[in-house]
Amino acid sequence: MANDDGSTVALCLDRVFTAGQCFPATLGKQADGSLRGEGRLFSVWGCDRTRVPKGQNAIMAITAVLNGGSCPRRTDRQTLSWQVFNGAATVCAVQRTN
């Protein structure tokens, strides 16, 4: 959309990822028993919600946001990771349990 003077404005936003936030995802088990998933990383989802959007089957809780290195391992749940910002950062998350 153009302004009255013909100029235009572009608004660019970056998602701010924070440990403790949640997002919906679709998870599936691999042949080796590990989880693999596609996350809707740019959707902030209430961690206390019990329903997920259609086509999703899990709520993921962010455990760390890293600018390098590997996600911290947990003994109670598998940590999944997603590269964001063209690989400049990694979002680490675990499936939220009820």
PDB file of N, CA and C in Angstrom:
ATOM      1  N   MET A   1       0.846  -1.167   0.000  1.00  0.00           N
ATOM      2  CA  MET A   1       0.000   0.000   0.000  1.00  0.00           C
ATOM      3  C   MET A   1       0.897   1.237   0.000  1.00  0.00           C
ATOM      4  N   ALA A   2       0.565   2.188  -0.828  1.00  0.00           N
ATOM      5  CA  ALA A   2       1.373   3.399  -0.949  1.00  0.00           C
ATOM      6  C   ALA A   2       0.776   4.524  -0.107  1.00  0.00           C
ATOM      7  N   ASN A   3       1.663   5.381   0.394  1.00  0.00           N
ATOM      8  CA  ASN A   3       1.249   6.582   1.117  1.00  0.00           C
ATOM      9  C   ASN A   3       0.753   7.620   0.111  1.00  0.00           C
ATOM     10  N   ASP A   4       0.162   8.695   0.624  1.00  0.00           N
ATOM     11  CA  ASP A   4      -0.348   9.762  -0.244  1.00  0.00           C
ATOM     12  C   ASP A   4       0.734  10.336  -1.156  1.00  0.00           C
ATOM     13  N   ASP A   5       1.981  10.351  -0.672  1.00  0.00           N
ATOM     14  CA  ASP A   5       3.058  10.913  -1.484  1.00  0.00           C
ATOM     15  C   ASP A   5       3.707   9.872  -2.399  1.00  0.00           C
ATOM     16  N   GLY A   6       3.148   8.659  -2.442  1.00  0.00           N
ATOM     17  CA  GLY A   6       3.673   7.605  -3.303  1.00  0.00           C
ATOM     18  C   GLY A   6       4.740   6.743  -2.651  1.00  0.00           C
ATOM     19  N   SER A   7       5.200   7.136  -1.474  1.00  0.00           N
ATOM     20  CA  SER A   7       6.219   6.342  -0.787  1.00  0.00           C
ATOM     21  C   SER A   7       5.572   5.116  -0.133  1.00  0.00           C
ATOM     22  N   THR A   8       6.391   4.149   0.179  1.00  0.00           N
ATOM     23  CA  THR A   8       5.910   2.946   0.864  1.00  0.00           C
ATOM     24  C   THR A   8       6.762   2.693   2.100  1.00  0.00           C
ATOM     25  N   VAL A   9       6.213   1.924   3.001  1.00  0.00           N
ATOM     26  CA  VAL A   9       6.920   1.574   4.227  1.00  0.00           C
ATOM     27  C   VAL A   9       6.899   0.054   4.355  1.00  0.00           C
ATOM     28  N   ALA A  10       8.042  -0.517   4.656  1.00  0.00           N
ATOM     29  CA  ALA A  10       8.127  -1.961   4.901  1.00  0.00           C
ATOM     30  C   ALA A  10       8.384  -2.184   6.382  1.00  0.00           C
ATOM     31  N   LEU A  11       7.639  -3.075   6.969  1.00  0.00           N
ATOM     32  CA  LEU A  11       7.802  -3.403   8.378  1.00  0.00           C
ATOM     33  C   LEU A  11       8.369  -4.807   8.474  1.00  0.00           C
ATOM     34  N   CYS A  12       9.545  -4.934   9.059  1.00  0.00           N
ATOM     35  CA  CYS A  12      10.194  -6.234   9.222  1.00  0.00           C
ATOM     36  C   CYS A  12      10.249  -6.558  10.703  1.00  0.00           C
ATOM     37  N   LEU A  13       9.792  -7.740  11.053  1.00  0.00           N
ATOM     38  CA  LEU A  13       9.765  -8.159  12.450  1.00  0.00           C
ATOM     39  C   LEU A  13      10.589  -9.423  12.631  1.00  0.00           C
ATOM     40  N   ASP A  14      11.210  -9.554  13.765  1.00  0.00           N
ATOM     41  CA  ASP A  14      11.905 -10.783  14.147  1.00  0.00           C
ATOM     42  C   ASP A  14      11.180 -11.390  15.326  1.00  0.00           C
ATOM     43  N   ARG A  15      11.017 -12.682  15.323  1.00  0.00           N
ATOM     44  CA  ARG A  15      10.414 -13.396  16.448  1.00  0.00           C
ATOM     45  C   ARG A  15      11.449 -13.455  17.551  1.00  0.00           C
ATOM     46  N   VAL A  16      11.047 -13.143  18.760  1.00  0.00           N
ATOM     47  CA  VAL A  16      11.928 -13.247  19.919  1.00  0.00           C
ATOM     48  C   VAL A  16      11.584 -14.554  20.619  1.00  0.00           C
ATOM     49  N   PHE A  17      12.515 -15.490  20.599  1.00  0.00           N
ATOM     50  CA  PHE A  17      12.326 -16.778  21.245  1.00  0.00           C
ATOM     51  C   PHE A  17      12.850 -16.706  22.675  1.00  0.00           C
ATOM     52  N   THR A  18      12.069 -17.234  23.622  1.00  0.00           N
ATOM     53  CA  THR A  18      12.451 -17.195  25.023  1.00  0.00           C
ATOM     54  C   THR A  18      12.188 -18.554  25.657  1.00  0.00           C
ATOM     55  N   ALA A  19      13.130 -19.027  26.451  1.00  0.00           N
ATOM     56  CA  ALA A  19      12.920 -20.275  27.185  1.00  0.00           C
ATOM     57  C   ALA A  19      11.653 -20.153  28.021  1.00  0.00           C
ATOM     58  N   GLY A  20      10.836 -21.197  27.987  1.00  0.00           N
ATOM     59  CA  GLY A  20       9.583 -21.202  28.719  1.00  0.00           C
ATOM     60  C   GLY A  20       8.376 -20.957  27.830  1.00  0.00           C
ATOM     61  N   GLN A  21       8.586 -20.384  26.640  1.00  0.00           N
ATOM     62  CA  GLN A  21       7.481 -20.205  25.701  1.00  0.00           C
ATOM     63  C   GLN A  21       7.147 -21.543  25.054  1.00  0.00           C
ATOM     64  N   CYS A  22       5.923 -21.655  24.562  1.00  0.00           N
ATOM     65  CA  CYS A  22       5.498 -22.877  23.884  1.00  0.00           C
ATOM     66  C   CYS A  22       5.025 -22.572  22.471  1.00  0.00           C
ATOM     67  N   PHE A  23       5.054 -23.605  21.626  1.00  0.00           N
ATOM     68  CA  PHE A  23       4.561 -23.517  20.253  1.00  0.00           C
ATOM     69  C   PHE A  23       4.017 -24.879  19.841  1.00  0.00           C
ATOM     70  N   PRO A  24       3.066 -24.903  18.899  1.00  0.00           N
ATOM     71  CA  PRO A  24       2.514 -26.185  18.446  1.00  0.00           C
ATOM     72  C   PRO A  24       3.458 -26.859  17.445  1.00  0.00           C
ATOM     73  N   ALA A  25       3.342 -28.184  17.355  1.00  0.00           N
ATOM     74  CA  ALA A  25       4.194 -28.950  16.447  1.00  0.00           C
ATOM     75  C   ALA A  25       3.491 -30.231  16.017  1.00  0.00           C
ATOM     76  N   THR A  26       4.042 -30.834  14.986  1.00  0.00           N
ATOM     77  CA  THR A  26       3.620 -32.160  14.553  1.00  0.00           C
ATOM     78  C   THR A  26       4.808 -33.077  14.786  1.00  0.00           C
ATOM     79  N   LEU A  27       4.644 -34.050  15.670  1.00  0.00           N
ATOM     80  CA  LEU A  27       5.720 -34.982  15.999  1.00  0.00           C
ATOM     81  C   LEU A  27       5.392 -36.377  15.501  1.00  0.00           C
ATOM     82  N   GLY A  28       6.433 -37.116  15.154  1.00  0.00           N
ATOM     83  CA  GLY A  28       6.288 -38.509  14.756  1.00  0.00           C
ATOM     84  C   GLY A  28       7.492 -39.296  15.231  1.00  0.00           C
ATOM     85  N   LYS A  29       7.282 -40.584  15.517  1.00  0.00           N
ATOM     86  CA  LYS A  29       8.395 -41.442  15.952  1.00  0.00           C
ATOM     87  C   LYS A  29       9.107 -42.007  14.738  1.00  0.00           C
ATOM     88  N   GLN A  30      10.417 -42.046  14.834  1.00  0.00           N
ATOM     89  CA  GLN A  30      11.257 -42.629  13.800  1.00  0.00           C
ATOM     90  C   GLN A  30      11.452 -44.113  14.089  1.00  0.00           C
ATOM     91  N   ALA A  31      12.032 -44.833  13.154  1.00  0.00           N
ATOM     92  CA  ALA A  31      12.260 -46.276  13.311  1.00  0.00           C
ATOM     93  C   ALA A  31      13.112 -46.590  14.544  1.00  0.00           C
ATOM     94  N   ASP A  32      14.018 -45.682  14.894  1.00  0.00           N
ATOM     95  CA  ASP A  32      14.884 -45.929  16.059  1.00  0.00           C
ATOM     96  C   ASP A  32      14.238 -45.496  17.375  1.00  0.00           C
ATOM     97  N   GLY A  33      12.985 -45.048  17.320  1.00  0.00           N
ATOM     98  CA  GLY A  33      12.272 -44.639  18.529  1.00  0.00           C
ATOM     99  C   GLY A  33      12.399 -43.165  18.870  1.00  0.00           C
ATOM    100  N   SER A  34      13.261 -42.450  18.166  1.00  0.00           N
ATOM    101  CA  SER A  34      13.429 -41.025  18.434  1.00  0.00           C
ATOM    102  C   SER A  34      12.280 -40.235  17.814  1.00  0.00           C
ATOM    103  N   LEU A  35      12.102 -39.022  18.306  1.00  0.00           N
ATOM    104  CA  LEU A  35      11.068 -38.136  17.772  1.00  0.00           C
ATOM    105  C   LEU A  35      11.651 -37.240  16.697  1.00  0.00           C
ATOM    106  N   ARG A  36      10.828 -36.931  15.731  1.00  0.00           N
ATOM    107  CA  ARG A  36      11.174 -35.956  14.706  1.00  0.00           C
ATOM    108  C   ARG A  36       9.951 -35.069  14.565  1.00  0.00           C
ATOM    109  N   GLY A  37      10.154 -33.802  14.308  1.00  0.00           N
ATOM    110  CA  GLY A  37       8.992 -32.943  14.240  1.00  0.00           C
ATOM    111  C   GLY A  37       9.150 -31.703  13.404  1.00  0.00           C
ATOM    112  N   GLU A  38       8.004 -31.182  13.021  1.00  0.00           N
ATOM    113  CA  GLU A  38       7.911 -29.886  12.372  1.00  0.00           C
ATOM    114  C   GLU A  38       7.197 -28.965  13.334  1.00  0.00           C
ATOM    115  N   GLY A  39       7.852 -27.882  13.697  1.00  0.00           N
ATOM    116  CA  GLY A  39       7.278 -26.943  14.642  1.00  0.00           C
ATOM    117  C   GLY A  39       6.773 -25.686  13.973  1.00  0.00           C
ATOM    118  N   ARG A  40       5.691 -25.163  14.502  1.00  0.00           N
ATOM    119  CA  ARG A  40       5.209 -23.849  14.067  1.00  0.00           C
ATOM    120  C   ARG A  40       5.874 -22.816  14.971  1.00  0.00           C
ATOM    121  N   LEU A  41       7.150 -22.635  14.730  1.00  0.00           N
ATOM    122  CA  LEU A  41       7.990 -21.828  15.611  1.00  0.00           C
ATOM    123  C   LEU A  41       7.554 -20.377  15.736  1.00  0.00           C
ATOM    124  N   PHE A  42       6.872 -19.857  14.748  1.00  0.00           N
ATOM    125  CA  PHE A  42       6.492 -18.455  14.805  1.00  0.00           C
ATOM    126  C   PHE A  42       5.099 -18.263  15.385  1.00  0.00           C
ATOM    127  N   SER A  43       4.565 -19.321  15.981  1.00  0.00           N
ATOM    128  CA  SER A  43       3.289 -19.250  16.706  1.00  0.00           C
ATOM    129  C   SER A  43       3.572 -19.437  18.192  1.00  0.00           C
ATOM    130  N   VAL A  44       3.231 -18.454  18.985  1.00  0.00           N
ATOM    131  CA  VAL A  44       3.355 -18.615  20.435  1.00  0.00           C
ATOM    132  C   VAL A  44       2.055 -19.248  20.909  1.00  0.00           C
ATOM    133  N   TRP A  45       2.170 -20.346  21.641  1.00  0.00           N
ATOM    134  CA  TRP A  45       1.009 -21.118  22.070  1.00  0.00           C
ATOM    135  C   TRP A  45       1.023 -21.214  23.581  1.00  0.00           C
ATOM    136  N   GLY A  46      -0.094 -21.060  24.213  1.00  0.00           N
ATOM    137  CA  GLY A  46      -0.167 -21.147  25.672  1.00  0.00           C
ATOM    138  C   GLY A  46       0.298 -22.506  26.173  1.00  0.00           C
ATOM    139  N   CYS A  47       1.278 -22.517  27.033  1.00  0.00           N
ATOM    140  CA  CYS A  47       1.808 -23.778  27.556  1.00  0.00           C
ATOM    141  C   CYS A  47       0.768 -24.538  28.376  1.00  0.00           C
ATOM    142  N   ASP A  48      -0.237 -23.837  28.874  1.00  0.00           N
ATOM    143  CA  ASP A  48      -1.261 -24.486  29.685  1.00  0.00           C
ATOM    144  C   ASP A  48      -2.432 -24.994  28.852  1.00  0.00           C
ATOM    145  N   ARG A  49      -2.413 -24.754  27.551  1.00  0.00           N
ATOM    146  CA  ARG A  49      -3.517 -25.190  26.693  1.00  0.00           C
ATOM    147  C   ARG A  49      -3.485 -26.704  26.520  1.00  0.00           C
ATOM    148  N   THR A  50      -4.644 -27.280  26.334  1.00  0.00           N
ATOM    149  CA  THR A  50      -4.741 -28.725  26.160  1.00  0.00           C
ATOM    150  C   THR A  50      -5.025 -29.108  24.713  1.00  0.00           C
ATOM    151  N   ARG A  51      -5.355 -28.152  23.877  1.00  0.00           N
ATOM    152  CA  ARG A  51      -5.645 -28.416  22.470  1.00  0.00           C
ATOM    153  C   ARG A  51      -4.592 -27.758  21.600  1.00  0.00           C
ATOM    154  N   VAL A  52      -4.388 -28.352  20.445  1.00  0.00           N
ATOM    155  CA  VAL A  52      -3.443 -27.802  19.474  1.00  0.00           C
ATOM    156  C   VAL A  52      -4.202 -27.483  18.184  1.00  0.00           C
ATOM    157  N   PRO A  53      -3.636 -26.643  17.321  1.00  0.00           N
ATOM    158  CA  PRO A  53      -4.305 -26.339  16.058  1.00  0.00           C
ATOM    159  C   PRO A  53      -4.467 -27.601  15.204  1.00  0.00           C
ATOM    160  N   LYS A  54      -5.446 -27.577  14.323  1.00  0.00           N
ATOM    161  CA  LYS A  54      -5.695 -28.704  13.434  1.00  0.00           C
ATOM    162  C   LYS A  54      -4.418 -29.049  12.665  1.00  0.00           C
ATOM    163  N   GLY A  55      -4.115 -30.315  12.586  1.00  0.00           N
ATOM    164  CA  GLY A  55      -2.925 -30.780  11.889  1.00  0.00           C
ATOM    165  C   GLY A  55      -1.701 -30.891  12.782  1.00  0.00           C
ATOM    166  N   GLN A  56      -1.790 -30.428  14.014  1.00  0.00           N
ATOM    167  CA  GLN A  56      -0.673 -30.506  14.967  1.00  0.00           C
ATOM    168  C   GLN A  56      -1.031 -31.547  16.033  1.00  0.00           C
ATOM    169  N   ASN A  57      -0.034 -32.131  16.679  1.00  0.00           N
ATOM    170  CA  ASN A  57      -0.324 -33.136  17.700  1.00  0.00           C
ATOM    171  C   ASN A  57       0.472 -32.966  18.983  1.00  0.00           C
ATOM    172  N   ALA A  58       1.193 -31.855  19.107  1.00  0.00           N
ATOM    173  CA  ALA A  58       2.017 -31.672  20.309  1.00  0.00           C
ATOM    174  C   ALA A  58       2.197 -30.190  20.618  1.00  0.00           C
ATOM    175  N   ILE A  59       2.496 -29.929  21.881  1.00  0.00           N
ATOM    176  CA  ILE A  59       2.900 -28.591  22.318  1.00  0.00           C
ATOM    177  C   ILE A  59       4.340 -28.713  22.780  1.00  0.00           C
ATOM    178  N   MET A  60       5.197 -27.887  22.211  1.00  0.00           N
ATOM    179  CA  MET A  60       6.620 -27.900  22.538  1.00  0.00           C
ATOM    180  C   MET A  60       6.944 -26.725  23.455  1.00  0.00           C
ATOM    181  N   ALA A  61       7.784 -26.985  24.456  1.00  0.00           N
ATOM    182  CA  ALA A  61       8.234 -25.948  25.378  1.00  0.00           C
ATOM    183  C   ALA A  61       9.709 -25.640  25.090  1.00  0.00           C
ATOM    184  N   ILE A  62      10.003 -24.378  24.831  1.00  0.00           N
ATOM    185  CA  ILE A  62      11.379 -23.967  24.545  1.00  0.00           C
ATOM    186  C   ILE A  62      12.214 -24.078  25.820  1.00  0.00           C
ATOM    187  N   THR A  63      13.338 -24.783  25.695  1.00  0.00           N
ATOM    188  CA  THR A  63      14.236 -24.960  26.843  1.00  0.00           C
ATOM    189  C   THR A  63      15.482 -24.089  26.737  1.00  0.00           C
ATOM    190  N   ALA A  64      15.858 -23.727  25.505  1.00  0.00           N
ATOM    191  CA  ALA A  64      17.042 -22.886  25.313  1.00  0.00           C
ATOM    192  C   ALA A  64      17.017 -22.297  23.913  1.00  0.00           C
ATOM    193  N   VAL A  65      17.670 -21.160  23.773  1.00  0.00           N
ATOM    194  CA  VAL A  65      17.901 -20.533  22.468  1.00  0.00           C
ATOM    195  C   VAL A  65      19.398 -20.273  22.400  1.00  0.00           C
ATOM    196  N   LEU A  66      20.048 -20.880  21.408  1.00  0.00           N
ATOM    197  CA  LEU A  66      21.509 -20.852  21.337  1.00  0.00           C
ATOM    198  C   LEU A  66      21.997 -20.146  20.083  1.00  0.00           C
ATOM    199  N   ASN A  67      23.133 -19.496  20.200  1.00  0.00           N
ATOM    200  CA  ASN A  67      23.801 -18.899  19.047  1.00  0.00           C
ATOM    201  C   ASN A  67      25.005 -19.735  18.640  1.00  0.00           C
ATOM    202  N   GLY A  68      24.947 -20.991  18.928  1.00  0.00           N
ATOM    203  CA  GLY A  68      26.030 -21.921  18.620  1.00  0.00           C
ATOM    204  C   GLY A  68      26.016 -23.052  19.635  1.00  0.00           C
ATOM    205  N   GLY A  69      26.587 -24.150  19.272  1.00  0.00           N
ATOM    206  CA  GLY A  69      26.627 -25.286  20.182  1.00  0.00           C
ATOM    207  C   GLY A  69      25.409 -26.182  20.030  1.00  0.00           C
ATOM    208  N   SER A  70      25.357 -27.190  20.868  1.00  0.00           N
ATOM    209  CA  SER A  70      24.283 -28.178  20.827  1.00  0.00           C
ATOM    210  C   SER A  70      23.302 -27.954  21.957  1.00  0.00           C
ATOM    211  N   CYS A  71      22.079 -28.366  21.729  1.00  0.00           N
ATOM    212  CA  CYS A  71      21.044 -28.246  22.767  1.00  0.00           C
ATOM    213  C   CYS A  71      21.412 -29.103  23.971  1.00  0.00           C
ATOM    214  N   PRO A  72      21.133 -28.597  25.171  1.00  0.00           N
ATOM    215  CA  PRO A  72      21.376 -29.398  26.375  1.00  0.00           C
ATOM    216  C   PRO A  72      20.523 -30.664  26.339  1.00  0.00           C
ATOM    217  N   ARG A  73      21.110 -31.778  26.692  1.00  0.00           N
ATOM    218  CA  ARG A  73      20.403 -33.058  26.732  1.00  0.00           C
ATOM    219  C   ARG A  73      19.663 -33.194  28.045  1.00  0.00           C
ATOM    220  N   ARG A  74      18.535 -33.889  27.977  1.00  0.00           N
ATOM    221  CA  ARG A  74      17.743 -34.173  29.176  1.00  0.00           C
ATOM    222  C   ARG A  74      17.615 -35.679  29.310  1.00  0.00           C
ATOM    223  N   THR A  75      17.436 -36.143  30.529  1.00  0.00           N
ATOM    224  CA  THR A  75      17.268 -37.577  30.736  1.00  0.00           C
ATOM    225  C   THR A  75      15.800 -37.987  30.700  1.00  0.00           C
ATOM    226  N   ASP A  76      14.894 -37.027  30.932  1.00  0.00           N
ATOM    227  CA  ASP A  76      13.476 -37.380  31.007  1.00  0.00           C
ATOM    228  C   ASP A  76      12.739 -37.285  29.678  1.00  0.00           C
ATOM    229  N   ARG A  77      13.216 -36.465  28.734  1.00  0.00           N
ATOM    230  CA  ARG A  77      12.556 -36.283  27.441  1.00  0.00           C
ATOM    231  C   ARG A  77      13.577 -35.937  26.376  1.00  0.00           C
ATOM    232  N   GLN A  78      13.259 -36.325  25.144  1.00  0.00           N
ATOM    233  CA  GLN A  78      14.131 -36.002  24.023  1.00  0.00           C
ATOM    234  C   GLN A  78      14.017 -34.517  23.689  1.00  0.00           C
ATOM    235  N   THR A  79      15.152 -33.882  23.511  1.00  0.00           N
ATOM    236  CA  THR A  79      15.190 -32.486  23.093  1.00  0.00           C
ATOM    237  C   THR A  79      15.259 -32.438  21.576  1.00  0.00           C
ATOM    238  N   LEU A  80      14.387 -31.649  20.988  1.00  0.00           N
ATOM    239  CA  LEU A  80      14.408 -31.422  19.542  1.00  0.00           C
ATOM    240  C   LEU A  80      14.974 -30.037  19.286  1.00  0.00           C
ATOM    241  N   SER A  81      15.518 -29.832  18.094  1.00  0.00           N
ATOM    242  CA  SER A  81      16.088 -28.523  17.785  1.00  0.00           C
ATOM    243  C   SER A  81      15.686 -28.080  16.384  1.00  0.00           C
ATOM    244  N   TRP A  82      15.589 -26.769  16.225  1.00  0.00           N
ATOM    245  CA  TRP A  82      15.262 -26.142  14.949  1.00  0.00           C
ATOM    246  C   TRP A  82      16.213 -24.981  14.721  1.00  0.00           C
ATOM    247  N   GLN A  83      16.747 -24.882  13.510  1.00  0.00           N
ATOM    248  CA  GLN A  83      17.577 -23.749  13.116  1.00  0.00           C
ATOM    249  C   GLN A  83      16.647 -22.599  12.724  1.00  0.00           C
ATOM    250  N   VAL A  84      16.945 -21.403  13.202  1.00  0.00           N
ATOM    251  CA  VAL A  84      16.155 -20.218  12.869  1.00  0.00           C
ATOM    252  C   VAL A  84      17.090 -19.097  12.418  1.00  0.00           C
ATOM    253  N   PHE A  85      16.514 -18.078  11.808  1.00  0.00           N
ATOM    254  CA  PHE A  85      17.265 -16.910  11.338  1.00  0.00           C
ATOM    255  C   PHE A  85      18.417 -17.332  10.434  1.00  0.00           C
ATOM    256  N   ASN A  86      18.075 -18.153   9.432  1.00  0.00           N
ATOM    257  CA  ASN A  86      19.061 -18.628   8.449  1.00  0.00           C
ATOM    258  C   ASN A  86      20.250 -19.321   9.108  1.00  0.00           C
ATOM    259  N   GLY A  87      19.978 -20.064  10.160  1.00  0.00           N
ATOM    260  CA  GLY A  87      21.016 -20.830  10.841  1.00  0.00           C
ATOM    261  C   GLY A  87      21.793 -20.056  11.886  1.00  0.00           C
ATOM    262  N   ALA A  88      21.439 -18.807  12.134  1.00  0.00           N
ATOM    263  CA  ALA A  88      22.169 -17.990  13.111  1.00  0.00           C
ATOM    264  C   ALA A  88      21.860 -18.389  14.548  1.00  0.00           C
ATOM    265  N   ALA A  89      20.746 -19.074  14.766  1.00  0.00           N
ATOM    266  CA  ALA A  89      20.370 -19.481  16.126  1.00  0.00           C
ATOM    267  C   ALA A  89      19.680 -20.838  16.065  1.00  0.00           C
ATOM    268  N   THR A  90      19.657 -21.498  17.218  1.00  0.00           N
ATOM    269  CA  THR A  90      18.994 -22.792  17.360  1.00  0.00           C
ATOM    270  C   THR A  90      17.991 -22.688  18.497  1.00  0.00           C
ATOM    271  N   VAL A  91      16.767 -23.142  18.234  1.00  0.00           N
ATOM    272  CA  VAL A  91      15.740 -23.221  19.270  1.00  0.00           C
ATOM    273  C   VAL A  91      15.683 -24.673  19.737  1.00  0.00           C
ATOM    274  N   CYS A  92      15.847 -24.873  21.034  1.00  0.00           N
ATOM    275  CA  CYS A  92      15.785 -26.204  21.648  1.00  0.00           C
ATOM    276  C   CYS A  92      14.454 -26.318  22.395  1.00  0.00           C
ATOM    277  N   ALA A  93      13.789 -27.466  22.253  1.00  0.00           N
ATOM    278  CA  ALA A  93      12.488 -27.614  22.904  1.00  0.00           C
ATOM    279  C   ALA A  93      12.210 -29.080  23.220  1.00  0.00           C
ATOM    280  N   VAL A  94      11.346 -29.283  24.205  1.00  0.00           N
ATOM    281  CA  VAL A  94      10.876 -30.617  24.562  1.00  0.00           C
ATOM    282  C   VAL A  94       9.362 -30.627  24.485  1.00  0.00           C
ATOM    283  N   GLN A  95       8.804 -31.821  24.269  1.00  0.00           N
ATOM    284  CA  GLN A  95       7.352 -31.937  24.252  1.00  0.00           C
ATOM    285  C   GLN A  95       6.826 -31.695  25.643  1.00  0.00           C
ATOM    286  N   ARG A  96       5.850 -30.810  25.728  1.00  0.00           N
ATOM    287  CA  ARG A  96       5.226 -30.516  27.020  1.00  0.00           C
ATOM    288  C   ARG A  96       4.393 -31.725  27.415  1.00  0.00           C
ATOM    289  N   THR A  97       4.458 -32.072  28.671  1.00  0.00           N
ATOM    290  CA  THR A  97       3.651 -33.182  29.176  1.00  0.00           C
ATOM    291  C   THR A  97       2.507 -32.612  29.997  1.00  0.00           C
ATOM    292  N   ASN A  98       1.424 -33.346  30.048  1.00  0.00           N
ATOM    293  CA  ASN A  98       0.243 -32.872  30.795  1.00  0.00           C
ATOM    294  C   ASN A  98       0.471 -32.886  32.272  1.00  0.00           C
TER     295      ASN A  98
END
